[in-house]
Protein backbone atom coordinates (compact mmCIF):
# COMPACT_ATOMS: atom_id res chain seq x y z
CA MET A 1 -66.05 14.63 58.65
CA LYS A 2 -69.75 15.09 58.39
CA ASP A 3 -69.82 18.06 60.72
CA ILE A 4 -66.81 20.13 59.24
CA GLY A 5 -67.91 22.72 57.37
CA GLU A 6 -71.40 22.77 59.06
CA GLY A 7 -72.95 26.24 58.27
CA LEU A 8 -70.40 27.10 55.60
CA GLY A 9 -70.99 27.68 52.15
CA ARG A 10 -70.62 24.63 49.53
CA GLU A 11 -67.40 25.74 48.74
CA LYS A 12 -65.95 26.64 51.69
CA ALA A 13 -67.38 23.23 53.16
CA VAL A 14 -65.97 21.49 50.69
CA VAL A 15 -62.21 23.24 50.88
CA LYS A 16 -62.62 22.52 54.93
CA LYS A 17 -63.17 18.92 54.81
CA ALA A 18 -60.20 18.23 52.19
CA ALA A 19 -58.18 20.36 54.55
CA PHE A 20 -59.01 17.83 57.38
CA LEU A 21 -58.44 15.29 55.32
CA LEU A 22 -55.04 15.79 53.76
CA ARG A 23 -53.50 17.24 57.61
CA SER A 24 -54.99 13.75 58.64
CA LEU A 25 -53.54 11.60 56.40
CA VAL A 26 -50.61 13.13 56.43
CA VAL A 27 -50.18 13.66 59.43
CA HIS A 28 -51.69 9.62 61.29
CA HIS A 29 -49.12 8.15 58.67
CA PRO A 30 -52.15 5.02 57.66
CA PHE A 31 -49.74 3.86 54.78
CA ILE A 32 -45.98 2.02 55.66
CA ASN A 33 -45.04 4.12 52.59
CA GLY A 34 -46.57 7.44 50.24
CA ASN A 35 -48.25 9.13 52.87
CA LYS A 36 -48.33 12.71 51.77
CA ARG A 37 -48.65 11.23 47.74
CA THR A 38 -51.68 8.99 48.58
CA ALA A 39 -52.85 12.01 50.79
CA PHE A 40 -52.87 14.37 47.84
CA GLU A 41 -54.42 11.99 45.18
CA ILE A 42 -57.49 11.40 47.62
CA VAL A 43 -57.57 15.13 48.57
CA GLU A 44 -57.58 15.73 45.37
CA ALA A 45 -59.86 13.23 43.91
CA PHE A 46 -62.21 13.96 46.85
CA LEU A 47 -62.29 17.83 45.50
CA GLU A 48 -62.85 16.97 41.71
CA LEU A 49 -65.59 15.01 42.53
CA ASN A 50 -67.19 17.40 44.21
CA GLY A 51 -66.57 20.01 41.44
CA TYR A 52 -63.59 21.89 42.26
CA PRO A 53 -60.55 20.67 40.74
CA LEU A 54 -57.17 21.59 42.00
CA ARG A 55 -54.38 23.38 39.74
CA ALA A 56 -51.49 23.53 41.39
CA LYS A 57 -47.95 23.56 40.78
CA THR A 58 -45.86 20.50 41.69
CA ASP A 59 -43.77 22.60 43.73
CA ASP A 60 -45.85 24.22 45.61
CA ILE A 61 -47.92 20.61 46.13
CA TYR A 62 -44.72 18.85 47.03
CA SER A 63 -43.88 22.35 49.72
CA LEU A 64 -46.97 22.31 51.32
CA LEU A 65 -47.11 18.12 51.67
CA SER A 66 -43.31 18.62 53.34
CA GLU A 67 -44.54 21.39 55.73
CA ILE A 68 -47.63 19.37 56.91
CA GLY A 69 -45.12 16.22 56.73
CA ALA A 70 -42.94 18.39 59.50
CA GLY A 71 -46.11 20.24 61.66
CA LYS A 72 -45.19 23.45 60.06
CA ALA A 73 -48.47 23.86 58.13
CA SER A 74 -51.65 24.13 60.19
CA GLU A 75 -54.95 22.56 58.62
CA THR A 76 -56.12 26.21 58.79
CA GLN A 77 -52.93 26.88 56.37
CA ALA A 78 -53.94 23.65 54.07
CA GLU A 79 -57.45 25.43 53.77
CA GLU A 80 -56.16 28.38 52.53
CA TRP A 81 -53.77 27.00 49.74
CA ILE A 82 -56.36 24.89 48.85
CA ALA A 83 -58.81 27.49 48.67
CA THR A 84 -55.94 29.98 46.57
CA ASN A 85 -55.11 26.83 44.24
CA LEU A 86 -58.81 25.56 43.19
CA ALA A 87 -59.74 26.18 39.39
CA LYS A 88 -61.15 29.43 38.58
CA LYS A 89 -65.30 28.98 38.52
CA ASP A 90 -65.34 29.40 34.29
CA GLN A 91 -62.54 27.00 34.17
CA ARG A 92 -65.12 24.50 36.09
CA SER A 93 -67.77 25.04 34.30
CA ARG A 94 -65.99 24.10 30.96
CA ARG A 95 -64.71 21.13 32.25
CA GLY A 96 -67.39 18.85 30.51
CA SER A 97 -66.81 20.78 27.24
């Protein structure tokens, strides 16, 4: 995962890594149950720890995870979805206030 996003700006690299992580966990089913939920929680924590919190509606999250699980959404589509649903920069900077 270290090489994913290499040569990109910080935000784009973090989003690319998050999309890779999300799709990998959903598609490869590392757990007996709860793969999509766990994948999303892990990716949400990854983004938050890197200073890029998500702001998405529950229905939109469910749709994305279902599409990835059904093979209907690519890693690129997941990346675009994540980038679109990041909190706006002004919301990120006020987070600690």
